[in-house]
Amino acid sequence: MRNEKGFTLIELLVVVAIIGILAAIAIPQFSAYRAQGFNARASSDLRNLATAEEAYFAANAAYTSSTDPTTLTGFKQSPGVTISIQPSSSAFTASAFHTSGNKTFNWDSGNGGLQNAP
């Protein structure tokens, strides 16, 4: 009788199959969590933009006429986030999305703020 130590081919195939099943379940969940993180970054930038716009309004009695969000004092745009602003003197609207996210957020200062909260 031979004294062999180690795993059989069947045992190794079962382990590889189990790892494959676990990976098939975990990878899509991980992608969804990443998208949620990118969406949160866009939403946070939009809220920070609104705070900077309101600070500008408090100091100047009008919203900024600039469509470039980086001109607002105290606002720093996150990498990958795209923000567009439609200014007017009495209100402003803005939208933000992250290039790796899956949702666009809208802000309307004359209509109560964030329109589609996460």
PDB file of N, CA and C in Angstrom:
ATOM      1  N   MET A   1       0.843  -1.174   0.000  1.00  0.00           N
ATOM      2  CA  MET A   1       0.000   0.000   0.000  1.00  0.00           C
ATOM      3  C   MET A   1       0.886   1.233   0.000  1.00  0.00           C
ATOM      4  N   ARG A   2       0.554   2.163  -0.880  1.00  0.00           N
ATOM      5  CA  ARG A   2       1.349   3.377  -0.998  1.00  0.00           C
ATOM      6  C   ARG A   2       0.815   4.413  -0.034  1.00  0.00           C
ATOM      7  N   ASN A   3       1.711   5.165   0.569  1.00  0.00           N
ATOM      8  CA  ASN A   3       1.332   6.213   1.515  1.00  0.00           C
ATOM      9  C   ASN A   3       1.432   7.550   0.781  1.00  0.00           C
ATOM     10  N   GLU A   4       0.327   7.947   0.138  1.00  0.00           N
ATOM     11  CA  GLU A   4       0.337   9.181  -0.638  1.00  0.00           C
ATOM     12  C   GLU A   4      -0.366  10.280   0.139  1.00  0.00           C
ATOM     13  N   LYS A   5       0.223  11.457   0.071  1.00  0.00           N
ATOM     14  CA  LYS A   5      -0.373  12.614   0.724  1.00  0.00           C
ATOM     15  C   LYS A   5      -0.716  13.644  -0.343  1.00  0.00           C
ATOM     16  N   GLY A   6      -1.789  14.398  -0.108  1.00  0.00           N
ATOM     17  CA  GLY A   6      -2.179  15.436  -1.055  1.00  0.00           C
ATOM     18  C   GLY A   6      -3.658  15.363  -1.360  1.00  0.00           C
ATOM     19  N   PHE A   7      -4.057  16.173  -2.330  1.00  0.00           N
ATOM     20  CA  PHE A   7      -5.464  16.272  -2.693  1.00  0.00           C
ATOM     21  C   PHE A   7      -5.708  15.528  -3.995  1.00  0.00           C
ATOM     22  N   THR A   8      -6.897  14.996  -4.119  1.00  0.00           N
ATOM     23  CA  THR A   8      -7.264  14.342  -5.374  1.00  0.00           C
ATOM     24  C   THR A   8      -7.739  15.400  -6.363  1.00  0.00           C
ATOM     25  N   LEU A   9      -7.815  15.033  -7.591  1.00  0.00           N
ATOM     26  CA  LEU A   9      -8.263  15.945  -8.633  1.00  0.00           C
ATOM     27  C   LEU A   9      -9.703  16.386  -8.385  1.00  0.00           C
ATOM     28  N   ILE A  10     -10.538  15.498  -7.928  1.00  0.00           N
ATOM     29  CA  ILE A  10     -11.943  15.831  -7.646  1.00  0.00           C
ATOM     30  C   ILE A  10     -12.012  16.880  -6.543  1.00  0.00           C
ATOM     31  N   GLU A  11     -11.249  16.722  -5.489  1.00  0.00           N
ATOM     32  CA  GLU A  11     -11.251  17.697  -4.389  1.00  0.00           C
ATOM     33  C   GLU A  11     -10.824  19.078  -4.881  1.00  0.00           C
ATOM     34  N   LEU A  12      -9.810  19.130  -5.702  1.00  0.00           N
ATOM     35  CA  LEU A  12      -9.350  20.414  -6.241  1.00  0.00           C
ATOM     36  C   LEU A  12     -10.407  21.044  -7.149  1.00  0.00           C
ATOM     37  N   LEU A  13     -11.089  20.252  -7.960  1.00  0.00           N
ATOM     38  CA  LEU A  13     -12.134  20.774  -8.831  1.00  0.00           C
ATOM     39  C   LEU A  13     -13.310  21.325  -8.020  1.00  0.00           C
ATOM     40  N   VAL A  14     -13.655  20.665  -6.930  1.00  0.00           N
ATOM     41  CA  VAL A  14     -14.741  21.155  -6.081  1.00  0.00           C
ATOM     42  C   VAL A  14     -14.370  22.503  -5.468  1.00  0.00           C
ATOM     43  N   VAL A  15     -13.151  22.630  -4.986  1.00  0.00           N
ATOM     44  CA  VAL A  15     -12.691  23.899  -4.394  1.00  0.00           C
ATOM     45  C   VAL A  15     -12.697  25.012  -5.444  1.00  0.00           C
ATOM     46  N   VAL A  16     -12.225  24.739  -6.647  1.00  0.00           N
ATOM     47  CA  VAL A  16     -12.211  25.747  -7.708  1.00  0.00           C
ATOM     48  C   VAL A  16     -13.636  26.141  -8.081  1.00  0.00           C
ATOM     49  N   ALA A  17     -14.553  25.199  -8.118  1.00  0.00           N
ATOM     50  CA  ALA A  17     -15.952  25.504  -8.432  1.00  0.00           C
ATOM     51  C   ALA A  17     -16.569  26.385  -7.356  1.00  0.00           C
ATOM     52  N   ILE A  18     -16.296  26.089  -6.098  1.00  0.00           N
ATOM     53  CA  ILE A  18     -16.830  26.911  -5.002  1.00  0.00           C
ATOM     54  C   ILE A  18     -16.275  28.323  -5.075  1.00  0.00           C
ATOM     55  N   ILE A  19     -15.009  28.478  -5.327  1.00  0.00           N
ATOM     56  CA  ILE A  19     -14.405  29.814  -5.453  1.00  0.00           C
ATOM     57  C   ILE A  19     -15.013  30.562  -6.630  1.00  0.00           C
ATOM     58  N   GLY A  20     -15.245  29.877  -7.731  1.00  0.00           N
ATOM     59  CA  GLY A  20     -15.874  30.505  -8.899  1.00  0.00           C
ATOM     60  C   GLY A  20     -17.283  30.985  -8.611  1.00  0.00           C
ATOM     61  N   ILE A  21     -18.050  30.204  -7.872  1.00  0.00           N
ATOM     62  CA  ILE A  21     -19.421  30.597  -7.521  1.00  0.00           C
ATOM     63  C   ILE A  21     -19.398  31.822  -6.603  1.00  0.00           C
ATOM     64  N   LEU A  22     -18.527  31.811  -5.625  1.00  0.00           N
ATOM     65  CA  LEU A  22     -18.417  32.957  -4.712  1.00  0.00           C
ATOM     66  C   LEU A  22     -17.984  34.220  -5.459  1.00  0.00           C
ATOM     67  N   ALA A  23     -17.064  34.087  -6.389  1.00  0.00           N
ATOM     68  CA  ALA A  23     -16.623  35.250  -7.163  1.00  0.00           C
ATOM     69  C   ALA A  23     -17.748  35.773  -8.053  1.00  0.00           C
ATOM     70  N   ALA A  24     -18.546  34.874  -8.619  1.00  0.00           N
ATOM     71  CA  ALA A  24     -19.656  35.296  -9.478  1.00  0.00           C
ATOM     72  C   ALA A  24     -20.701  36.069  -8.689  1.00  0.00           C
ATOM     73  N   ILE A  25     -20.826  35.782  -7.418  1.00  0.00           N
ATOM     74  CA  ILE A  25     -21.773  36.503  -6.568  1.00  0.00           C
ATOM     75  C   ILE A  25     -21.172  37.834  -6.103  1.00  0.00           C
ATOM     76  N   ALA A  26     -19.899  37.846  -5.734  1.00  0.00           N
ATOM     77  CA  ALA A  26     -19.281  39.012  -5.105  1.00  0.00           C
ATOM     78  C   ALA A  26     -18.948  40.132  -6.090  1.00  0.00           C
ATOM     79  N   ILE A  27     -18.522  39.827  -7.289  1.00  0.00           N
ATOM     80  CA  ILE A  27     -18.063  40.864  -8.223  1.00  0.00           C
ATOM     81  C   ILE A  27     -19.182  41.829  -8.626  1.00  0.00           C
ATOM     82  N   PRO A  28     -20.389  41.373  -8.983  1.00  0.00           N
ATOM     83  CA  PRO A  28     -21.452  42.345  -9.302  1.00  0.00           C
ATOM     84  C   PRO A  28     -21.828  43.212  -8.094  1.00  0.00           C
ATOM     85  N   GLN A  29     -21.835  42.640  -6.890  1.00  0.00           N
ATOM     86  CA  GLN A  29     -22.135  43.422  -5.694  1.00  0.00           C
ATOM     87  C   GLN A  29     -21.086  44.501  -5.498  1.00  0.00           C
ATOM     88  N   PHE A  30     -19.829  44.159  -5.709  1.00  0.00           N
ATOM     89  CA  PHE A  30     -18.747  45.124  -5.556  1.00  0.00           C
ATOM     90  C   PHE A  30     -18.904  46.263  -6.557  1.00  0.00           C
ATOM     91  N   SER A  31     -19.291  45.961  -7.776  1.00  0.00           N
ATOM     92  CA  SER A  31     -19.500  46.997  -8.788  1.00  0.00           C
ATOM     93  C   SER A  31     -20.632  47.936  -8.394  1.00  0.00           C
ATOM     94  N   ALA A  32     -21.691  47.385  -7.820  1.00  0.00           N
ATOM     95  CA  ALA A  32     -22.815  48.222  -7.377  1.00  0.00           C
ATOM     96  C   ALA A  32     -22.376  49.145  -6.240  1.00  0.00           C
ATOM     97  N   TYR A  33     -21.561  48.639  -5.327  1.00  0.00           N
ATOM     98  CA  TYR A  33     -21.072  49.479  -4.227  1.00  0.00           C
ATOM     99  C   TYR A  33     -20.176  50.595  -4.742  1.00  0.00           C
ATOM    100  N   ARG A  34     -19.360  50.300  -5.741  1.00  0.00           N
ATOM    101  CA  ARG A  34     -18.501  51.330  -6.323  1.00  0.00           C
ATOM    102  C   ARG A  34     -19.346  52.435  -6.963  1.00  0.00           C
ATOM    103  N   ALA A  35     -20.379  52.052  -7.710  1.00  0.00           N
ATOM    104  CA  ALA A  35     -21.255  53.042  -8.347  1.00  0.00           C
ATOM    105  C   ALA A  35     -21.937  53.901  -7.293  1.00  0.00           C
ATOM    106  N   GLN A  36     -22.369  53.302  -6.185  1.00  0.00           N
ATOM    107  CA  GLN A  36     -22.981  54.080  -5.109  1.00  0.00           C
ATOM    108  C   GLN A  36     -21.997  55.093  -4.539  1.00  0.00           C
ATOM    109  N   GLY A  37     -20.749  54.708  -4.410  1.00  0.00           N
ATOM    110  CA  GLY A  37     -19.730  55.626  -3.919  1.00  0.00           C
ATOM    111  C   GLY A  37     -19.511  56.795  -4.866  1.00  0.00           C
ATOM    112  N   PHE A  38     -19.463  56.524  -6.158  1.00  0.00           N
ATOM    113  CA  PHE A  38     -19.290  57.595  -7.142  1.00  0.00           C
ATOM    114  C   PHE A  38     -20.508  58.514  -7.168  1.00  0.00           C
ATOM    115  N   ASN A  39     -21.701  57.930  -7.035  1.00  0.00           N
ATOM    116  CA  ASN A  39     -22.917  58.743  -6.976  1.00  0.00           C
ATOM    117  C   ASN A  39     -22.910  59.638  -5.746  1.00  0.00           C
ATOM    118  N   ALA A  40     -22.464  59.103  -4.627  1.00  0.00           N
ATOM    119  CA  ALA A  40     -22.396  59.904  -3.397  1.00  0.00           C
ATOM    120  C   ALA A  40     -21.429  61.068  -3.559  1.00  0.00           C
ATOM    121  N   ARG A  41     -20.345  60.852  -4.281  1.00  0.00           N
ATOM    122  CA  ARG A  41     -19.380  61.938  -4.522  1.00  0.00           C
ATOM    123  C   ARG A  41     -20.023  63.059  -5.342  1.00  0.00           C
ATOM    124  N   ALA A  42     -20.792  62.695  -6.362  1.00  0.00           N
ATOM    125  CA  ALA A  42     -21.468  63.703  -7.187  1.00  0.00           C
ATOM    126  C   ALA A  42     -22.520  64.458  -6.371  1.00  0.00           C
ATOM    127  N   SER A  43     -23.286  63.738  -5.567  1.00  0.00           N
ATOM    128  CA  SER A  43     -24.304  64.369  -4.730  1.00  0.00           C
ATOM    129  C   SER A  43     -23.663  65.313  -3.712  1.00  0.00           C
ATOM    130  N   SER A  44     -22.576  64.894  -3.128  1.00  0.00           N
ATOM    131  CA  SER A  44     -21.871  65.726  -2.154  1.00  0.00           C
ATOM    132  C   SER A  44     -21.318  66.990  -2.802  1.00  0.00           C
ATOM    133  N   ASP A  45     -20.751  66.858  -3.992  1.00  0.00           N
ATOM    134  CA  ASP A  45     -20.249  68.041  -4.695  1.00  0.00           C
ATOM    135  C   ASP A  45     -21.381  69.014  -5.011  1.00  0.00           C
ATOM    136  N   LEU A  46     -22.538  68.489  -5.375  1.00  0.00           N
ATOM    137  CA  LEU A  46     -23.670  69.357  -5.686  1.00  0.00           C
ATOM    138  C   LEU A  46     -24.138  70.105  -4.435  1.00  0.00           C
ATOM    139  N   ARG A  47     -24.175  69.429  -3.304  1.00  0.00           N
ATOM    140  CA  ARG A  47     -24.547  70.091  -2.048  1.00  0.00           C
ATOM    141  C   ARG A  47     -23.514  71.154  -1.661  1.00  0.00           C
ATOM    142  N   ASN A  48     -22.240  70.843  -1.843  1.00  0.00           N
ATOM    143  CA  ASN A  48     -21.193  71.829  -1.543  1.00  0.00           C
ATOM    144  C   ASN A  48     -21.277  73.038  -2.471  1.00  0.00           C
ATOM    145  N   LEU A  49     -21.606  72.793  -3.726  1.00  0.00           N
ATOM    146  CA  LEU A  49     -21.796  73.889  -4.673  1.00  0.00           C
ATOM    147  C   LEU A  49     -22.940  74.787  -4.214  1.00  0.00           C
ATOM    148  N   ALA A  50     -24.042  74.174  -3.786  1.00  0.00           N
ATOM    149  CA  ALA A  50     -25.190  74.955  -3.329  1.00  0.00           C
ATOM    150  C   ALA A  50     -24.820  75.800  -2.107  1.00  0.00           C
ATOM    151  N   THR A  51     -24.038  75.244  -1.202  1.00  0.00           N
ATOM    152  CA  THR A  51     -23.592  76.001  -0.035  1.00  0.00           C
ATOM    153  C   THR A  51     -22.748  77.198  -0.456  1.00  0.00           C
ATOM    154  N   ALA A  52     -21.847  76.983  -1.416  1.00  0.00           N
ATOM    155  CA  ALA A  52     -21.009  78.081  -1.906  1.00  0.00           C
ATOM    156  C   ALA A  52     -21.859  79.131  -2.624  1.00  0.00           C
ATOM    157  N   GLU A  53     -22.847  78.703  -3.391  1.00  0.00           N
ATOM    158  CA  GLU A  53     -23.745  79.647  -4.070  1.00  0.00           C
ATOM    159  C   GLU A  53     -24.534  80.469  -3.052  1.00  0.00           C
ATOM    160  N   GLU A  54     -25.030  79.824  -2.000  1.00  0.00           N
ATOM    161  CA  GLU A  54     -25.792  80.549  -0.979  1.00  0.00           C
ATOM    162  C   GLU A  54     -24.897  81.523  -0.218  1.00  0.00           C
ATOM    163  N   ALA A  55     -23.647  81.168   0.009  1.00  0.00           N
ATOM    164  CA  ALA A  55     -22.711  82.090   0.658  1.00  0.00           C
ATOM    165  C   ALA A  55     -22.457  83.301  -0.242  1.00  0.00           C
ATOM    166  N   TYR A  56     -22.328  83.052  -1.538  1.00  0.00           N
ATOM    167  CA  TYR A  56     -22.151  84.154  -2.491  1.00  0.00           C
ATOM    168  C   TYR A  56     -23.386  85.051  -2.488  1.00  0.00           C
ATOM    169  N   PHE A  57     -24.573  84.432  -2.436  1.00  0.00           N
ATOM    170  CA  PHE A  57     -25.825  85.192  -2.425  1.00  0.00           C
ATOM    171  C   PHE A  57     -25.921  86.044  -1.159  1.00  0.00           C
ATOM    172  N   ALA A  58     -25.510  85.490  -0.024  1.00  0.00           N
ATOM    173  CA  ALA A  58     -25.571  86.236   1.236  1.00  0.00           C
ATOM    174  C   ALA A  58     -24.660  87.460   1.200  1.00  0.00           C
ATOM    175  N   ALA A  59     -23.549  87.350   0.498  1.00  0.00           N
ATOM    176  CA  ALA A  59     -22.598  88.464   0.436  1.00  0.00           C
ATOM    177  C   ALA A  59     -22.937  89.480  -0.653  1.00  0.00           C
ATOM    178  N   ASN A  60     -23.614  89.048  -1.729  1.00  0.00           N
ATOM    179  CA  ASN A  60     -23.812  89.916  -2.896  1.00  0.00           C
ATOM    180  C   ASN A  60     -25.269  90.164  -3.265  1.00  0.00           C
ATOM    181  N   ALA A  61     -26.197  89.582  -2.551  1.00  0.00           N
ATOM    182  CA  ALA A  61     -27.634  89.725  -2.808  1.00  0.00           C
ATOM    183  C   ALA A  61     -28.035  89.254  -4.208  1.00  0.00           C
ATOM    184  N   ALA A  62     -27.243  88.391  -4.803  1.00  0.00           N
ATOM    185  CA  ALA A  62     -27.546  87.777  -6.100  1.00  0.00           C
ATOM    186  C   ALA A  62     -26.672  86.535  -6.236  1.00  0.00           C
ATOM    187  N   TYR A  63     -27.157  85.578  -7.015  1.00  0.00           N
ATOM    188  CA  TYR A  63     -26.336  84.398  -7.285  1.00  0.00           C
ATOM    189  C   TYR A  63     -25.280  84.757  -8.324  1.00  0.00           C
ATOM    190  N   THR A  64     -24.193  84.004  -8.331  1.00  0.00           N
ATOM    191  CA  THR A  64     -23.134  84.266  -9.299  1.00  0.00           C
ATOM    192  C   THR A  64     -23.640  84.026 -10.722  1.00  0.00           C
ATOM    193  N   SER A  65     -23.136  84.786 -11.653  1.00  0.00           N
ATOM    194  CA  SER A  65     -23.537  84.618 -13.050  1.00  0.00           C
ATOM    195  C   SER A  65     -22.608  83.653 -13.787  1.00  0.00           C
ATOM    196  N   SER A  66     -21.605  83.143 -13.101  1.00  0.00           N
ATOM    197  CA  SER A  66     -20.636  82.239 -13.728  1.00  0.00           C
ATOM    198  C   SER A  66     -21.207  80.835 -13.870  1.00  0.00           C
ATOM    199  N   THR A  67     -20.879  80.192 -14.966  1.00  0.00           N
ATOM    200  CA  THR A  67     -21.256  78.798 -15.152  1.00  0.00           C
ATOM    201  C   THR A  67     -20.115  77.862 -14.772  1.00  0.00           C
ATOM    202  N   ASP A  68     -19.006  78.431 -14.308  1.00  0.00           N
ATOM    203  CA  ASP A  68     -17.853  77.653 -13.871  1.00  0.00           C
ATOM    204  C   ASP A  68     -17.895  77.519 -12.348  1.00  0.00           C
ATOM    205  N   PRO A  69     -18.137  76.317 -11.823  1.00  0.00           N
ATOM    206  CA  PRO A  69     -18.281  76.171 -10.382  1.00  0.00           C
ATOM    207  C   PRO A  69     -16.989  76.428  -9.605  1.00  0.00           C
ATOM    208  N   THR A  70     -15.845  76.309 -10.260  1.00  0.00           N
ATOM    209  CA  THR A  70     -14.579  76.482  -9.547  1.00  0.00           C
ATOM    210  C   THR A  70     -14.300  77.945  -9.204  1.00  0.00           C
ATOM    211  N   THR A  71     -15.102  78.879  -9.728  1.00  0.00           N
ATOM    212  CA  THR A  71     -14.900  80.291  -9.386  1.00  0.00           C
ATOM    213  C   THR A  71     -15.514  80.651  -8.034  1.00  0.00           C
ATOM    214  N   LEU A  72     -16.338  79.780  -7.491  1.00  0.00           N
ATOM    215  CA  LEU A  72     -16.963  80.051  -6.193  1.00  0.00           C
ATOM    216  C   LEU A  72     -15.962  79.828  -5.060  1.00  0.00           C
ATOM    217  N   THR A  73     -15.901  80.762  -4.155  1.00  0.00           N
ATOM    218  CA  THR A  73     -14.981  80.668  -3.024  1.00  0.00           C
ATOM    219  C   THR A  73     -15.377  79.498  -2.127  1.00  0.00           C
ATOM    220  N   GLY A  74     -14.418  78.674  -1.794  1.00  0.00           N
ATOM    221  CA  GLY A  74     -14.656  77.558  -0.887  1.00  0.00           C
ATOM    222  C   GLY A  74     -15.139  76.288  -1.546  1.00  0.00           C
ATOM    223  N   PHE A  75     -15.330  76.289  -2.855  1.00  0.00           N
ATOM    224  CA  PHE A  75     -15.808  75.085  -3.532  1.00  0.00           C
ATOM    225  C   PHE A  75     -14.658  74.396  -4.236  1.00  0.00           C
ATOM    226  N   LYS A  76     -14.523  73.089  -4.001  1.00  0.00           N
ATOM    227  CA  LYS A  76     -13.502  72.285  -4.675  1.00  0.00           C
ATOM    228  C   LYS A  76     -14.196  71.089  -5.305  1.00  0.00           C
ATOM    229  N   GLN A  77     -14.096  71.001  -6.605  1.00  0.00           N
ATOM    230  CA  GLN A  77     -14.764  69.927  -7.345  1.00  0.00           C
ATOM    231  C   GLN A  77     -13.948  68.647  -7.269  1.00  0.00           C
ATOM    232  N   SER A  78     -14.620  67.539  -7.036  1.00  0.00           N
ATOM    233  CA  SER A  78     -13.955  66.238  -6.947  1.00  0.00           C
ATOM    234  C   SER A  78     -13.561  65.749  -8.338  1.00  0.00           C
ATOM    235  N   PRO A  79     -12.498  64.964  -8.415  1.00  0.00           N
ATOM    236  CA  PRO A  79     -12.107  64.395  -9.709  1.00  0.00           C
ATOM    237  C   PRO A  79     -13.193  63.459 -10.243  1.00  0.00           C
ATOM    238  N   GLY A  80     -13.473  63.556 -11.521  1.00  0.00           N
ATOM    239  CA  GLY A  80     -14.460  62.695 -12.163  1.00  0.00           C
ATOM    240  C   GLY A  80     -15.885  63.215 -12.120  1.00  0.00           C
ATOM    241  N   VAL A  81     -16.131  64.255 -11.327  1.00  0.00           N
ATOM    242  CA  VAL A  81     -17.483  64.806 -11.214  1.00  0.00           C
ATOM    243  C   VAL A  81     -17.634  65.951 -12.211  1.00  0.00           C
ATOM    244  N   THR A  82     -18.720  65.929 -12.962  1.00  0.00           N
ATOM    245  CA  THR A  82     -19.037  66.993 -13.907  1.00  0.00           C
ATOM    246  C   THR A  82     -20.249  67.747 -13.383  1.00  0.00           C
ATOM    247  N   ILE A  83     -20.111  69.069 -13.287  1.00  0.00           N
ATOM    248  CA  ILE A  83     -21.189  69.911 -12.777  1.00  0.00           C
ATOM    249  C   ILE A  83     -21.533  70.954 -13.830  1.00  0.00           C
ATOM    250  N   SER A  84     -22.820  71.146 -14.054  1.00  0.00           N
ATOM    251  CA  SER A  84     -23.265  72.226 -14.938  1.00  0.00           C
ATOM    252  C   SER A  84     -24.218  73.114 -14.150  1.00  0.00           C
ATOM    253  N   ILE A  85     -24.057  74.435 -14.318  1.00  0.00           N
ATOM    254  CA  ILE A  85     -24.856  75.420 -13.590  1.00  0.00           C
ATOM    255  C   ILE A  85     -25.612  76.276 -14.593  1.00  0.00           C
ATOM    256  N   GLN A  86     -26.880  76.557 -14.275  1.00  0.00           N
ATOM    257  CA  GLN A  86     -27.686  77.485 -15.050  1.00  0.00           C
ATOM    258  C   GLN A  86     -28.063  78.624 -14.095  1.00  0.00           C
ATOM    259  N   PRO A  87     -27.270  79.696 -14.099  1.00  0.00           N
ATOM    260  CA  PRO A  87     -27.494  80.763 -13.119  1.00  0.00           C
ATOM    261  C   PRO A  87     -28.549  81.777 -13.552  1.00  0.00           C
ATOM    262  N   SER A  88     -29.127  82.438 -12.556  1.00  0.00           N
ATOM    263  CA  SER A  88     -29.925  83.633 -12.759  1.00  0.00           C
ATOM    264  C   SER A  88     -29.752  84.461 -11.494  1.00  0.00           C
ATOM    265  N   SER A  89     -30.245  85.678 -11.474  1.00  0.00           N
ATOM    266  CA  SER A  89     -30.004  86.532 -10.314  1.00  0.00           C
ATOM    267  C   SER A  89     -30.829  86.131  -9.101  1.00  0.00           C
ATOM    268  N   SER A  90     -31.979  85.494  -9.311  1.00  0.00           N
ATOM    269  CA  SER A  90     -32.850  85.169  -8.179  1.00  0.00           C
ATOM    270  C   SER A  90     -32.848  83.690  -7.802  1.00  0.00           C
ATOM    271  N   ALA A  91     -32.281  82.820  -8.623  1.00  0.00           N
ATOM    272  CA  ALA A  91     -32.237  81.389  -8.338  1.00  0.00           C
ATOM    273  C   ALA A  91     -31.158  80.752  -9.211  1.00  0.00           C
ATOM    274  N   PHE A  92     -30.864  79.519  -8.955  1.00  0.00           N
ATOM    275  CA  PHE A  92     -29.945  78.799  -9.835  1.00  0.00           C
ATOM    276  C   PHE A  92     -30.344  77.328  -9.850  1.00  0.00           C
ATOM    277  N   THR A  93     -30.026  76.673 -10.935  1.00  0.00           N
ATOM    278  CA  THR A  93     -30.188  75.228 -11.030  1.00  0.00           C
ATOM    279  C   THR A  93     -28.841  74.651 -11.421  1.00  0.00           C
ATOM    280  N   ALA A  94     -28.603  73.446 -10.983  1.00  0.00           N
ATOM    281  CA  ALA A  94     -27.336  72.784 -11.295  1.00  0.00           C
ATOM    282  C   ALA A  94     -27.578  71.283 -11.354  1.00  0.00           C
ATOM    283  N   SER A  95     -26.714  70.603 -12.064  1.00  0.00           N
ATOM    284  CA  SER A  95     -26.755  69.145 -12.108  1.00  0.00           C
ATOM    285  C   SER A  95     -25.336  68.616 -11.995  1.00  0.00           C
ATOM    286  N   ALA A  96     -25.211  67.426 -11.441  1.00  0.00           N
ATOM    287  CA  ALA A  96     -23.897  66.822 -11.247  1.00  0.00           C
ATOM    288  C   ALA A  96     -23.986  65.320 -11.468  1.00  0.00           C
ATOM    289  N   PHE A  97     -22.929  64.765 -12.053  1.00  0.00           N
ATOM    290  CA  PHE A  97     -22.812  63.319 -12.196  1.00  0.00           C
ATOM    291  C   PHE A  97     -21.340  62.958 -12.189  1.00  0.00           C
ATOM    292  N   HIS A  98     -21.070  61.720 -11.824  1.00  0.00           N
ATOM    293  CA  HIS A  98     -19.703  61.208 -11.857  1.00  0.00           C
ATOM    294  C   HIS A  98     -19.581  60.304 -13.075  1.00  0.00           C
ATOM    295  N   THR A  99     -18.459  60.374 -13.747  1.00  0.00           N
ATOM    296  CA  THR A  99     -18.278  59.603 -14.976  1.00  0.00           C
ATOM    297  C   THR A  99     -18.370  58.098 -14.737  1.00  0.00           C
ATOM    298  N   SER A 100     -18.064  57.645 -13.519  1.00  0.00           N
ATOM    299  CA  SER A 100     -18.161  56.217 -13.209  1.00  0.00           C
ATOM    300  C   SER A 100     -19.430  55.867 -12.435  1.00  0.00           C
ATOM    301  N   GLY A 101     -20.262  56.859 -12.184  1.00  0.00           N
ATOM    302  CA  GLY A 101     -21.520  56.620 -11.477  1.00  0.00           C
ATOM    303  C   GLY A 101     -22.621  56.282 -12.455  1.00  0.00           C
ATOM    304  N   ASN A 102     -23.845  56.134 -11.924  1.00  0.00           N
ATOM    305  CA  ASN A 102     -24.974  55.792 -12.793  1.00  0.00           C
ATOM    306  C   ASN A 102     -26.198  56.656 -12.515  1.00  0.00           C
ATOM    307  N   LYS A 103     -25.972  57.838 -11.919  1.00  0.00           N
ATOM    308  CA  LYS A 103     -27.093  58.704 -11.588  1.00  0.00           C
ATOM    309  C   LYS A 103     -26.678  60.163 -11.720  1.00  0.00           C
ATOM    310  N   THR A 104     -27.607  60.996 -12.193  1.00  0.00           N
ATOM    311  CA  THR A 104     -27.397  62.442 -12.274  1.00  0.00           C
ATOM    312  C   THR A 104     -28.268  63.103 -11.218  1.00  0.00           C
ATOM    313  N   PHE A 105     -27.679  64.038 -10.472  1.00  0.00           N
ATOM    314  CA  PHE A 105     -28.388  64.742  -9.414  1.00  0.00           C
ATOM    315  C   PHE A 105     -28.684  66.169  -9.865  1.00  0.00           C
ATOM    316  N   ASN A 106     -29.854  66.672  -9.490  1.00  0.00           N
ATOM    317  CA  ASN A 106     -30.283  68.013  -9.887  1.00  0.00           C
ATOM    318  C   ASN A 106     -30.582  68.851  -8.657  1.00  0.00           C
ATOM    319  N   TRP A 107     -30.199  70.117  -8.720  1.00  0.00           N
ATOM    320  CA  TRP A 107     -30.456  71.071  -7.641  1.00  0.00           C
ATOM    321  C   TRP A 107     -31.231  72.243  -8.225  1.00  0.00           C
ATOM    322  N   ASP A 108     -32.289  72.640  -7.553  1.00  0.00           N
ATOM    323  CA  ASP A 108     -33.067  73.806  -7.961  1.00  0.00           C
ATOM    324  C   ASP A 108     -33.280  74.664  -6.710  1.00  0.00           C
ATOM    325  N   SER A 109     -32.588  75.803  -6.644  1.00  0.00           N
ATOM    326  CA  SER A 109     -32.649  76.632  -5.439  1.00  0.00           C
ATOM    327  C   SER A 109     -34.021  77.260  -5.243  1.00  0.00           C
ATOM    328  N   GLY A 110     -34.750  77.469  -6.312  1.00  0.00           N
ATOM    329  CA  GLY A 110     -36.069  78.057  -6.201  1.00  0.00           C
ATOM    330  C   GLY A 110     -37.165  77.033  -5.926  1.00  0.00           C
ATOM    331  N   ASN A 111     -36.784  75.758  -5.922  1.00  0.00           N
ATOM    332  CA  ASN A 111     -37.781  74.703  -5.772  1.00  0.00           C
ATOM    333  C   ASN A 111     -37.431  73.767  -4.620  1.00  0.00           C
ATOM    334  N   GLY A 112     -36.637  74.226  -3.674  1.00  0.00           N
ATOM    335  CA  GLY A 112     -36.391  73.437  -2.472  1.00  0.00           C
ATOM    336  C   GLY A 112     -35.084  72.699  -2.396  1.00  0.00           C
ATOM    337  N   GLY A 113     -34.192  72.856  -3.349  1.00  0.00           N
ATOM    338  CA  GLY A 113     -32.877  72.223  -3.244  1.00  0.00           C
ATOM    339  C   GLY A 113     -32.754  70.963  -4.069  1.00  0.00           C
ATOM    340  N   LEU A 114     -32.198  69.922  -3.464  1.00  0.00           N
ATOM    341  CA  LEU A 114     -31.924  68.668  -4.188  1.00  0.00           C
ATOM    342  C   LEU A 114     -33.230  68.021  -4.613  1.00  0.00           C
ATOM    343  N   GLN A 115     -33.367  67.768  -5.901  1.00  0.00           N
ATOM    344  CA  GLN A 115     -34.621  67.263  -6.453  1.00  0.00           C
ATOM    345  C   GLN A 115     -34.717  65.747  -6.456  1.00  0.00           C
ATOM    346  N   ASN A 116     -33.619  65.055  -6.546  1.00  0.00           N
ATOM    347  CA  ASN A 116     -33.638  63.586  -6.585  1.00  0.00           C
ATOM    348  C   ASN A 116     -32.570  63.058  -5.633  1.00  0.00           C
ATOM    349  N   ALA A 117     -32.895  63.100  -4.352  1.00  0.00           N
ATOM    350  CA  ALA A 117     -31.948  62.678  -3.322  1.00  0.00           C
ATOM    351  C   ALA A 117     -31.592  61.214  -3.493  1.00  0.00           C
ATOM    352  N   PRO A 118     -30.373  60.864  -3.091  1.00  0.00           N
ATOM    353  CA  PRO A 118     -29.931  59.465  -3.252  1.00  0.00           C
ATOM    354  C   PRO A 118     -30.711  58.503  -2.382  1.00  0.00           C
TER     355      PRO A 118
END
